[in-house]
ModelCIF file with pLDDT and N, C-alpha, C, O atoms, coordinates in Angstrom:
data_MODEL
#
_entry.id   MODEL 
#
_entity.id                         1 
_entity.type                       polymer 
_entity.pdbx_number_of_molecules   1 
#
_entity_poly.entity_id                      1 
_entity_poly.type                           'polypeptide(L)' 
_entity_poly.nstd_linkage                   no 
_entity_poly.nstd_monomer                   no 
_entity_poly.pdbx_seq_one_letter_code       LGVYEDSVLPVIEAGLVDFIGPEGGEYMPGLSFMPTPGHSIGHM 
_entity_poly.pdbx_seq_one_letter_code_can   LGVYEDSVLPVIEAGLVDFIGPEGGEYMPGLSFMPTPGHSIGHM 
_entity_poly.pdbx_strand_id                 A 
#
loop_
_entity_poly_seq.entity_id 
_entity_poly_seq.num 
_entity_poly_seq.mon_id 
_entity_poly_seq.hetero 
1 1  LEU n 
1 2  GLY n 
1 3  VAL n 
1 4  TYR n 
1 5  GLU n 
1 6  ASP n 
1 7  SER n 
1 8  VAL n 
1 9  LEU n 
1 10 PRO n 
1 11 VAL n 
1 12 ILE n 
1 13 GLU n 
1 14 ALA n 
1 15 GLY n 
1 16 LEU n 
1 17 VAL n 
1 18 ASP n 
1 19 PHE n 
1 20 ILE n 
1 21 GLY n 
1 22 PRO n 
1 23 GLU n 
1 24 GLY n 
1 25 GLY n 
1 26 GLU n 
1 27 TYR n 
1 28 MET n 
1 29 PRO n 
1 30 GLY n 
1 31 LEU n 
1 32 SER n 
1 33 PHE n 
1 34 MET n 
1 35 PRO n 
1 36 THR n 
1 37 PRO n 
1 38 GLY n 
1 39 HIS n 
1 40 SER n 
1 41 ILE n 
1 42 GLY n 
1 43 HIS n 
1 44 MET n 
#
_struct_asym.id          A 
_struct_asym.entity_id   1 
#
loop_
_ma_qa_metric.id 
_ma_qa_metric.mode 
_ma_qa_metric.name 
_ma_qa_metric.software_group_id 
_ma_qa_metric.type 
1 global pLDDT . pLDDT 
2 local  pLDDT . pLDDT 
#
_ma_qa_metric_global.metric_id      1 
_ma_qa_metric_global.metric_value   97.55 
_ma_qa_metric_global.model_id       1 
_ma_qa_metric_global.ordinal_id     1 
#
loop_
_ma_qa_metric_local.label_asym_id 
_ma_qa_metric_local.label_comp_id 
_ma_qa_metric_local.label_seq_id 
_ma_qa_metric_local.metric_id 
_ma_qa_metric_local.metric_value 
_ma_qa_metric_local.model_id 
_ma_qa_metric_local.ordinal_id 
A LEU 1  2 93.00 1 1  
A GLY 2  2 95.00 1 2  
A VAL 3  2 97.00 1 3  
A TYR 4  2 97.00 1 4  
A GLU 5  2 97.00 1 5  
A ASP 6  2 98.00 1 6  
A SER 7  2 98.00 1 7  
A VAL 8  2 98.00 1 8  
A LEU 9  2 98.00 1 9  
A PRO 10 2 98.00 1 10 
A VAL 11 2 98.00 1 11 
A ILE 12 2 98.00 1 12 
A GLU 13 2 98.00 1 13 
A ALA 14 2 98.00 1 14 
A GLY 15 2 98.00 1 15 
A LEU 16 2 98.00 1 16 
A VAL 17 2 98.00 1 17 
A ASP 18 2 98.00 1 18 
A PHE 19 2 98.00 1 19 
A ILE 20 2 98.00 1 20 
A GLY 21 2 98.00 1 21 
A PRO 22 2 97.00 1 22 
A GLU 23 2 97.00 1 23 
A GLY 24 2 98.00 1 24 
A GLY 25 2 98.00 1 25 
A GLU 26 2 98.00 1 26 
A TYR 27 2 98.00 1 27 
A MET 28 2 97.00 1 28 
A PRO 29 2 96.00 1 29 
A GLY 30 2 97.00 1 30 
A LEU 31 2 98.00 1 31 
A SER 32 2 98.00 1 32 
A PHE 33 2 98.00 1 33 
A MET 34 2 98.00 1 34 
A PRO 35 2 98.00 1 35 
A THR 36 2 98.00 1 36 
A PRO 37 2 98.00 1 37 
A GLY 38 2 98.00 1 38 
A HIS 39 2 97.00 1 39 
A SER 40 2 97.00 1 40 
A ILE 41 2 97.00 1 41 
A GLY 42 2 98.00 1 42 
A HIS 43 2 98.00 1 43 
A MET 44 2 98.00 1 44 
#
loop_
_atom_site.group_PDB 
_atom_site.id 
_atom_site.type_symbol 
_atom_site.label_atom_id 
_atom_site.label_alt_id 
_atom_site.label_comp_id 
_atom_site.label_asym_id 
_atom_site.label_entity_id 
_atom_site.label_seq_id 
_atom_site.pdbx_PDB_ins_code 
_atom_site.Cartn_x 
_atom_site.Cartn_y 
_atom_site.Cartn_z 
_atom_site.occupancy 
_atom_site.B_iso_or_equiv 
_atom_site.pdbx_formal_charge 
_atom_site.auth_seq_id 
_atom_site.auth_comp_id 
_atom_site.auth_asym_id 
_atom_site.auth_atom_id 
_atom_site.pdbx_PDB_model_num 
ATOM 1   N N  . LEU A 1 1  ? -34.151 0.394   11.714 1.00 93.00 ? 1  LEU A N  1 
ATOM 2   C CA . LEU A 1 1  ? -33.698 1.711   11.284 1.00 93.00 ? 1  LEU A CA 1 
ATOM 3   C C  . LEU A 1 1  ? -32.917 2.402   12.399 1.00 93.00 ? 1  LEU A C  1 
ATOM 4   O O  . LEU A 1 1  ? -33.349 2.427   13.551 1.00 93.00 ? 1  LEU A O  1 
ATOM 5   N N  . GLY A 1 2  ? -31.773 2.957   12.042 1.00 95.00 ? 2  GLY A N  1 
ATOM 6   C CA . GLY A 1 2  ? -30.908 3.630   13.001 1.00 95.00 ? 2  GLY A CA 1 
ATOM 7   C C  . GLY A 1 2  ? -29.791 2.775   13.546 1.00 95.00 ? 2  GLY A C  1 
ATOM 8   O O  . GLY A 1 2  ? -28.829 3.296   14.110 1.00 95.00 ? 2  GLY A O  1 
ATOM 9   N N  . VAL A 1 3  ? -29.904 1.447   13.384 1.00 97.00 ? 3  VAL A N  1 
ATOM 10  C CA . VAL A 1 3  ? -28.912 0.547   13.957 1.00 97.00 ? 3  VAL A CA 1 
ATOM 11  C C  . VAL A 1 3  ? -27.550 0.742   13.309 1.00 97.00 ? 3  VAL A C  1 
ATOM 12  O O  . VAL A 1 3  ? -26.532 0.803   13.998 1.00 97.00 ? 3  VAL A O  1 
ATOM 13  N N  . TYR A 1 4  ? -27.533 0.840   11.991 1.00 97.00 ? 4  TYR A N  1 
ATOM 14  C CA . TYR A 1 4  ? -26.241 0.988   11.318 1.00 97.00 ? 4  TYR A CA 1 
ATOM 15  C C  . TYR A 1 4  ? -25.532 2.256   11.779 1.00 97.00 ? 4  TYR A C  1 
ATOM 16  O O  . TYR A 1 4  ? -24.327 2.251   12.030 1.00 97.00 ? 4  TYR A O  1 
ATOM 17  N N  . GLU A 1 5  ? -26.289 3.337   11.888 1.00 97.00 ? 5  GLU A N  1 
ATOM 18  C CA . GLU A 1 5  ? -25.680 4.628   12.205 1.00 97.00 ? 5  GLU A CA 1 
ATOM 19  C C  . GLU A 1 5  ? -25.109 4.696   13.617 1.00 97.00 ? 5  GLU A C  1 
ATOM 20  O O  . GLU A 1 5  ? -24.043 5.278   13.822 1.00 97.00 ? 5  GLU A O  1 
ATOM 21  N N  . ASP A 1 6  ? -25.806 4.106   14.603 1.00 98.00 ? 6  ASP A N  1 
ATOM 22  C CA . ASP A 1 6  ? -25.312 4.271   15.981 1.00 98.00 ? 6  ASP A CA 1 
ATOM 23  C C  . ASP A 1 6  ? -24.602 3.048   16.548 1.00 98.00 ? 6  ASP A C  1 
ATOM 24  O O  . ASP A 1 6  ? -23.910 3.162   17.559 1.00 98.00 ? 6  ASP A O  1 
ATOM 25  N N  . SER A 1 7  ? -24.754 1.885   15.929 1.00 98.00 ? 7  SER A N  1 
ATOM 26  C CA . SER A 1 7  ? -24.180 0.675   16.508 1.00 98.00 ? 7  SER A CA 1 
ATOM 27  C C  . SER A 1 7  ? -23.162 -0.022  15.620 1.00 98.00 ? 7  SER A C  1 
ATOM 28  O O  . SER A 1 7  ? -22.455 -0.922  16.075 1.00 98.00 ? 7  SER A O  1 
ATOM 29  N N  . VAL A 1 8  ? -23.080 0.382   14.364 1.00 98.00 ? 8  VAL A N  1 
ATOM 30  C CA . VAL A 1 8  ? -22.178 -0.272  13.421 1.00 98.00 ? 8  VAL A CA 1 
ATOM 31  C C  . VAL A 1 8  ? -21.136 0.700   12.879 1.00 98.00 ? 8  VAL A C  1 
ATOM 32  O O  . VAL A 1 8  ? -19.936 0.435   12.952 1.00 98.00 ? 8  VAL A O  1 
ATOM 33  N N  . LEU A 1 9  ? -21.596 1.823   12.336 1.00 98.00 ? 9  LEU A N  1 
ATOM 34  C CA . LEU A 1 9  ? -20.666 2.784   11.728 1.00 98.00 ? 9  LEU A CA 1 
ATOM 35  C C  . LEU A 1 9  ? -19.582 3.256   12.700 1.00 98.00 ? 9  LEU A C  1 
ATOM 36  O O  . LEU A 1 9  ? -18.431 3.386   12.285 1.00 98.00 ? 9  LEU A O  1 
ATOM 37  N N  . PRO A 1 10 ? -19.892 3.516   13.965 1.00 98.00 ? 10 PRO A N  1 
ATOM 38  C CA . PRO A 1 10 ? -18.825 3.974   14.866 1.00 98.00 ? 10 PRO A CA 1 
ATOM 39  C C  . PRO A 1 10 ? -17.670 2.985   15.023 1.00 98.00 ? 10 PRO A C  1 
ATOM 40  O O  . PRO A 1 10 ? -16.524 3.410   15.167 1.00 98.00 ? 10 PRO A O  1 
ATOM 41  N N  . VAL A 1 11 ? -17.941 1.677   15.001 1.00 98.00 ? 11 VAL A N  1 
ATOM 42  C CA . VAL A 1 11 ? -16.831 0.729   15.137 1.00 98.00 ? 11 VAL A CA 1 
ATOM 43  C C  . VAL A 1 11 ? -16.067 0.595   13.829 1.00 98.00 ? 11 VAL A C  1 
ATOM 44  O O  . VAL A 1 11 ? -14.871 0.306   13.830 1.00 98.00 ? 11 VAL A O  1 
ATOM 45  N N  . ILE A 1 12 ? -16.763 0.808   12.702 1.00 98.00 ? 12 ILE A N  1 
ATOM 46  C CA . ILE A 1 12 ? -16.060 0.838   11.417 1.00 98.00 ? 12 ILE A CA 1 
ATOM 47  C C  . ILE A 1 12 ? -15.122 2.042   11.367 1.00 98.00 ? 12 ILE A C  1 
ATOM 48  O O  . ILE A 1 12 ? -13.956 1.921   10.992 1.00 98.00 ? 12 ILE A O  1 
ATOM 49  N N  . GLU A 1 13 ? -15.647 3.198   11.749 1.00 98.00 ? 13 GLU A N  1 
ATOM 50  C CA . GLU A 1 13 ? -14.841 4.417   11.713 1.00 98.00 ? 13 GLU A CA 1 
ATOM 51  C C  . GLU A 1 13 ? -13.667 4.363   12.692 1.00 98.00 ? 13 GLU A C  1 
ATOM 52  O O  . GLU A 1 13 ? -12.656 5.037   12.492 1.00 98.00 ? 13 GLU A O  1 
ATOM 53  N N  . ALA A 1 14 ? -13.804 3.560   13.747 1.00 98.00 ? 14 ALA A N  1 
ATOM 54  C CA . ALA A 1 14 ? -12.712 3.399   14.700 1.00 98.00 ? 14 ALA A CA 1 
ATOM 55  C C  . ALA A 1 14 ? -11.653 2.411   14.213 1.00 98.00 ? 14 ALA A C  1 
ATOM 56  O O  . ALA A 1 14 ? -10.636 2.207   14.876 1.00 98.00 ? 14 ALA A O  1 
ATOM 57  N N  . GLY A 1 15 ? -11.894 1.801   13.056 1.00 98.00 ? 15 GLY A N  1 
ATOM 58  C CA . GLY A 1 15 ? -10.931 0.858   12.490 1.00 98.00 ? 15 GLY A CA 1 
ATOM 59  C C  . GLY A 1 15 ? -10.862 -0.468  13.218 1.00 98.00 ? 15 GLY A C  1 
ATOM 60  O O  . GLY A 1 15 ? -9.818  -1.119  13.227 1.00 98.00 ? 15 GLY A O  1 
ATOM 61  N N  . LEU A 1 16 ? -11.979 -0.881  13.838 1.00 98.00 ? 16 LEU A N  1 
ATOM 62  C CA . LEU A 1 16 ? -11.984 -2.078  14.667 1.00 98.00 ? 16 LEU A CA 1 
ATOM 63  C C  . LEU A 1 16 ? -12.626 -3.291  13.998 1.00 98.00 ? 16 LEU A C  1 
ATOM 64  O O  . LEU A 1 16 ? -12.761 -4.333  14.639 1.00 98.00 ? 16 LEU A O  1 
ATOM 65  N N  . VAL A 1 17 ? -13.027 -3.188  12.725 1.00 98.00 ? 17 VAL A N  1 
ATOM 66  C CA . VAL A 1 17 ? -13.813 -4.249  12.092 1.00 98.00 ? 17 VAL A CA 1 
ATOM 67  C C  . VAL A 1 17 ? -12.961 -5.098  11.150 1.00 98.00 ? 17 VAL A C  1 
ATOM 68  O O  . VAL A 1 17 ? -12.180 -4.580  10.351 1.00 98.00 ? 17 VAL A O  1 
ATOM 69  N N  . ASP A 1 18 ? -13.131 -6.410  11.267 1.00 98.00 ? 18 ASP A N  1 
ATOM 70  C CA . ASP A 1 18 ? -12.655 -7.349  10.252 1.00 98.00 ? 18 ASP A CA 1 
ATOM 71  C C  . ASP A 1 18 ? -13.894 -7.876  9.535  1.00 98.00 ? 18 ASP A C  1 
ATOM 72  O O  . ASP A 1 18 ? -14.757 -8.498  10.154 1.00 98.00 ? 18 ASP A O  1 
ATOM 73  N N  . PHE A 1 19 ? -13.980 -7.628  8.237  1.00 98.00 ? 19 PHE A N  1 
ATOM 74  C CA . PHE A 1 19 ? -15.165 -8.011  7.478  1.00 98.00 ? 19 PHE A CA 1 
ATOM 75  C C  . PHE A 1 19 ? -15.049 -9.455  6.986  1.00 98.00 ? 19 PHE A C  1 
ATOM 76  O O  . PHE A 1 19 ? -13.986 -9.902  6.556  1.00 98.00 ? 19 PHE A O  1 
ATOM 77  N N  . ILE A 1 20 ? -16.168 -10.166 7.062  1.00 98.00 ? 20 ILE A N  1 
ATOM 78  C CA . ILE A 1 20 ? -16.230 -11.551 6.616  1.00 98.00 ? 20 ILE A CA 1 
ATOM 79  C C  . ILE A 1 20 ? -16.907 -11.589 5.249  1.00 98.00 ? 20 ILE A C  1 
ATOM 80  O O  . ILE A 1 20 ? -18.025 -11.097 5.095  1.00 98.00 ? 20 ILE A O  1 
ATOM 81  N N  . GLY A 1 21 ? -16.239 -12.168 4.267  1.00 98.00 ? 21 GLY A N  1 
ATOM 82  C CA . GLY A 1 21 ? -16.768 -12.211 2.907  1.00 98.00 ? 21 GLY A CA 1 
ATOM 83  C C  . GLY A 1 21 ? -17.961 -13.139 2.796  1.00 98.00 ? 21 GLY A C  1 
ATOM 84  O O  . GLY A 1 21 ? -18.212 -13.933 3.703  1.00 98.00 ? 21 GLY A O  1 
ATOM 85  N N  . PRO A 1 22 ? -18.700 -13.053 1.703  1.00 97.00 ? 22 PRO A N  1 
ATOM 86  C CA . PRO A 1 22 ? -19.944 -13.817 1.551  1.00 97.00 ? 22 PRO A CA 1 
ATOM 87  C C  . PRO A 1 22 ? -19.752 -15.321 1.563  1.00 97.00 ? 22 PRO A C  1 
ATOM 88  O O  . PRO A 1 22 ? -20.707 -16.060 1.802  1.00 97.00 ? 22 PRO A O  1 
ATOM 89  N N  . GLU A 1 23 ? -18.540 -15.789 1.312  1.00 97.00 ? 23 GLU A N  1 
ATOM 90  C CA . GLU A 1 23 ? -18.289 -17.229 1.311  1.00 97.00 ? 23 GLU A CA 1 
ATOM 91  C C  . GLU A 1 23 ? -18.033 -17.769 2.717  1.00 97.00 ? 23 GLU A C  1 
ATOM 92  O O  . GLU A 1 23 ? -17.989 -18.984 2.907  1.00 97.00 ? 23 GLU A O  1 
ATOM 93  N N  . GLY A 1 24 ? -17.866 -16.895 3.700  1.00 98.00 ? 24 GLY A N  1 
ATOM 94  C CA . GLY A 1 24 ? -17.585 -17.350 5.059  1.00 98.00 ? 24 GLY A CA 1 
ATOM 95  C C  . GLY A 1 24 ? -16.229 -18.010 5.149  1.00 98.00 ? 24 GLY A C  1 
ATOM 96  O O  . GLY A 1 24 ? -15.260 -17.527 4.563  1.00 98.00 ? 24 GLY A O  1 
ATOM 97  N N  . GLY A 1 25 ? -16.150 -19.113 5.881  1.00 98.00 ? 25 GLY A N  1 
ATOM 98  C CA . GLY A 1 25 ? -14.909 -19.849 6.011  1.00 98.00 ? 25 GLY A CA 1 
ATOM 99  C C  . GLY A 1 25 ? -14.228 -19.616 7.344  1.00 98.00 ? 25 GLY A C  1 
ATOM 100 O O  . GLY A 1 25 ? -14.765 -18.939 8.221  1.00 98.00 ? 25 GLY A O  1 
ATOM 101 N N  . GLU A 1 26 ? -13.033 -20.185 7.491  1.00 98.00 ? 26 GLU A N  1 
ATOM 102 C CA . GLU A 1 26 ? -12.310 -20.126 8.761  1.00 98.00 ? 26 GLU A CA 1 
ATOM 103 C C  . GLU A 1 26 ? -11.715 -18.742 8.984  1.00 98.00 ? 26 GLU A C  1 
ATOM 104 O O  . GLU A 1 26 ? -11.030 -18.200 8.116  1.00 98.00 ? 26 GLU A O  1 
ATOM 105 N N  . TYR A 1 27 ? -11.979 -18.186 10.140 1.00 98.00 ? 27 TYR A N  1 
ATOM 106 C CA . TYR A 1 27 ? -11.382 -16.899 10.522 1.00 98.00 ? 27 TYR A CA 1 
ATOM 107 C C  . TYR A 1 27 ? -10.087 -17.124 11.287 1.00 98.00 ? 27 TYR A C  1 
ATOM 108 O O  . TYR A 1 27 ? -9.091  -16.438 11.060 1.00 98.00 ? 27 TYR A O  1 
ATOM 109 N N  . MET A 1 28 ? -10.114 -18.088 12.190 1.00 97.00 ? 28 MET A N  1 
ATOM 110 C CA . MET A 1 28 ? -8.912  -18.501 12.908 1.00 97.00 ? 28 MET A CA 1 
ATOM 111 C C  . MET A 1 28 ? -9.121  -19.949 13.316 1.00 97.00 ? 28 MET A C  1 
ATOM 112 O O  . MET A 1 28 ? -10.255 -20.427 13.303 1.00 97.00 ? 28 MET A O  1 
ATOM 113 N N  . PRO A 1 29 ? -8.054  -20.663 13.680 1.00 96.00 ? 29 PRO A N  1 
ATOM 114 C CA . PRO A 1 29 ? -8.228  -22.080 14.003 1.00 96.00 ? 29 PRO A CA 1 
ATOM 115 C C  . PRO A 1 29 ? -9.328  -22.296 15.041 1.00 96.00 ? 29 PRO A C  1 
ATOM 116 O O  . PRO A 1 29 ? -9.317  -21.703 16.120 1.00 96.00 ? 29 PRO A O  1 
ATOM 117 N N  . GLY A 1 30 ? -10.272 -23.156 14.686 1.00 97.00 ? 30 GLY A N  1 
ATOM 118 C CA . GLY A 1 30 ? -11.351 -23.490 15.600 1.00 97.00 ? 30 GLY A CA 1 
ATOM 119 C C  . GLY A 1 30 ? -12.570 -22.605 15.505 1.00 97.00 ? 30 GLY A C  1 
ATOM 120 O O  . GLY A 1 30 ? -13.567 -22.862 16.179 1.00 97.00 ? 30 GLY A O  1 
ATOM 121 N N  . LEU A 1 31 ? -12.519 -21.563 14.681 1.00 98.00 ? 31 LEU A N  1 
ATOM 122 C CA . LEU A 1 31 ? -13.672 -20.661 14.553 1.00 98.00 ? 31 LEU A CA 1 
ATOM 123 C C  . LEU A 1 31 ? -13.887 -20.326 13.090 1.00 98.00 ? 31 LEU A C  1 
ATOM 124 O O  . LEU A 1 31 ? -13.004 -19.782 12.428 1.00 98.00 ? 31 LEU A O  1 
ATOM 125 N N  . SER A 1 32 ? -15.083 -20.659 12.587 1.00 98.00 ? 32 SER A N  1 
ATOM 126 C CA . SER A 1 32 ? -15.379 -20.397 11.184 1.00 98.00 ? 32 SER A CA 1 
ATOM 127 C C  . SER A 1 32 ? -16.782 -19.839 11.033 1.00 98.00 ? 32 SER A C  1 
ATOM 128 O O  . SER A 1 32 ? -17.625 -19.971 11.920 1.00 98.00 ? 32 SER A O  1 
ATOM 129 N N  . PHE A 1 33 ? -17.011 -19.215 9.891  1.00 98.00 ? 33 PHE A N  1 
ATOM 130 C CA . PHE A 1 33 ? -18.290 -18.586 9.575  1.00 98.00 ? 33 PHE A CA 1 
ATOM 131 C C  . PHE A 1 33 ? -19.003 -19.388 8.494  1.00 98.00 ? 33 PHE A C  1 
ATOM 132 O O  . PHE A 1 33 ? -18.405 -19.745 7.479  1.00 98.00 ? 33 PHE A O  1 
ATOM 133 N N  . MET A 1 34 ? -20.281 -19.669 8.718  1.00 98.00 ? 34 MET A N  1 
ATOM 134 C CA . MET A 1 34 ? -21.094 -20.414 7.767  1.00 98.00 ? 34 MET A CA 1 
ATOM 135 C C  . MET A 1 34 ? -22.200 -19.495 7.250  1.00 98.00 ? 34 MET A C  1 
ATOM 136 O O  . MET A 1 34 ? -23.051 -19.073 8.033  1.00 98.00 ? 34 MET A O  1 
ATOM 137 N N  . PRO A 1 35 ? -22.214 -19.173 5.954  1.00 98.00 ? 35 PRO A N  1 
ATOM 138 C CA . PRO A 1 35 ? -23.269 -18.294 5.424  1.00 98.00 ? 35 PRO A CA 1 
ATOM 139 C C  . PRO A 1 35 ? -24.655 -18.913 5.627  1.00 98.00 ? 35 PRO A C  1 
ATOM 140 O O  . PRO A 1 35 ? -24.900 -20.046 5.211  1.00 98.00 ? 35 PRO A O  1 
ATOM 141 N N  . THR A 1 36 ? -25.543 -18.177 6.256  1.00 98.00 ? 36 THR A N  1 
ATOM 142 C CA . THR A 1 36 ? -26.929 -18.625 6.459  1.00 98.00 ? 36 THR A CA 1 
ATOM 143 C C  . THR A 1 36 ? -27.871 -17.457 6.166  1.00 98.00 ? 36 THR A C  1 
ATOM 144 O O  . THR A 1 36 ? -28.624 -17.043 7.047  1.00 98.00 ? 36 THR A O  1 
ATOM 145 N N  . PRO A 1 37 ? -27.843 -16.924 4.953  1.00 98.00 ? 37 PRO A N  1 
ATOM 146 C CA . PRO A 1 37 ? -28.650 -15.751 4.628  1.00 98.00 ? 37 PRO A CA 1 
ATOM 147 C C  . PRO A 1 37 ? -30.135 -16.079 4.578  1.00 98.00 ? 37 PRO A C  1 
ATOM 148 O O  . PRO A 1 37 ? -30.533 -17.229 4.395  1.00 98.00 ? 37 PRO A O  1 
ATOM 149 N N  . GLY A 1 38 ? -30.930 -15.052 4.743  1.00 98.00 ? 38 GLY A N  1 
ATOM 150 C CA . GLY A 1 38 ? -32.375 -15.199 4.647  1.00 98.00 ? 38 GLY A CA 1 
ATOM 151 C C  . GLY A 1 38 ? -33.076 -14.369 5.696  1.00 98.00 ? 38 GLY A C  1 
ATOM 152 O O  . GLY A 1 38 ? -33.836 -13.458 5.371  1.00 98.00 ? 38 GLY A O  1 
ATOM 153 N N  . HIS A 1 39 ? -32.825 -14.680 6.954  1.00 97.00 ? 39 HIS A N  1 
ATOM 154 C CA . HIS A 1 39 ? -33.380 -13.819 7.995  1.00 97.00 ? 39 HIS A CA 1 
ATOM 155 C C  . HIS A 1 39 ? -32.903 -12.388 7.761  1.00 97.00 ? 39 HIS A C  1 
ATOM 156 O O  . HIS A 1 39 ? -33.684 -11.440 7.850  1.00 97.00 ? 39 HIS A O  1 
ATOM 157 N N  . SER A 1 40 ? -31.633 -12.248 7.466  1.00 97.00 ? 40 SER A N  1 
ATOM 158 C CA . SER A 1 40 ? -31.078 -10.990 6.969  1.00 97.00 ? 40 SER A CA 1 
ATOM 159 C C  . SER A 1 40 ? -30.237 -11.307 5.750  1.00 97.00 ? 40 SER A C  1 
ATOM 160 O O  . SER A 1 40 ? -29.958 -12.472 5.467  1.00 97.00 ? 40 SER A O  1 
ATOM 161 N N  . ILE A 1 41 ? -29.840 -10.294 5.041  1.00 97.00 ? 41 ILE A N  1 
ATOM 162 C CA . ILE A 1 41 ? -29.240 -10.496 3.716  1.00 97.00 ? 41 ILE A CA 1 
ATOM 163 C C  . ILE A 1 41 ? -27.896 -11.220 3.768  1.00 97.00 ? 41 ILE A C  1 
ATOM 164 O O  . ILE A 1 41 ? -27.558 -11.965 2.847  1.00 97.00 ? 41 ILE A O  1 
ATOM 165 N N  . GLY A 1 42 ? -27.129 -11.007 4.837  1.00 98.00 ? 42 GLY A N  1 
ATOM 166 C CA . GLY A 1 42 ? -25.812 -11.637 4.914  1.00 98.00 ? 42 GLY A CA 1 
ATOM 167 C C  . GLY A 1 42 ? -25.585 -12.374 6.213  1.00 98.00 ? 42 GLY A C  1 
ATOM 168 O O  . GLY A 1 42 ? -24.449 -12.484 6.674  1.00 98.00 ? 42 GLY A O  1 
ATOM 169 N N  . HIS A 1 43 ? -26.644 -12.877 6.807  1.00 98.00 ? 43 HIS A N  1 
ATOM 170 C CA . HIS A 1 43 ? -26.577 -13.568 8.097  1.00 98.00 ? 43 HIS A CA 1 
ATOM 171 C C  . HIS A 1 43 ? -25.510 -14.658 8.060  1.00 98.00 ? 43 HIS A C  1 
ATOM 172 O O  . HIS A 1 43 ? -25.408 -15.411 7.091  1.00 98.00 ? 43 HIS A O  1 
ATOM 173 N N  . MET A 1 44 ? -24.719 -14.731 9.128  1.00 98.00 ? 44 MET A N  1 
ATOM 174 C CA . MET A 1 44 ? -23.687 -15.749 9.261  1.00 98.00 ? 44 MET A CA 1 
ATOM 175 C C  . MET A 1 44 ? -23.884 -16.520 10.554 1.00 98.00 ? 44 MET A C  1 
ATOM 176 O O  . MET A 1 44 ? -23.110 -17.430 10.853 1.00 98.00 ? 44 MET A O  1 
#
């Protein structure tokens, strides 16, 4: 509790976030996201 408000929302409001969709996949050559949900709802 409180993490979203002080550690996440400020970087969103600053326009610094690239969001990764639920399917994951390649973000740039050599770096990709693999969905591994469970520990948290959208863990990657």
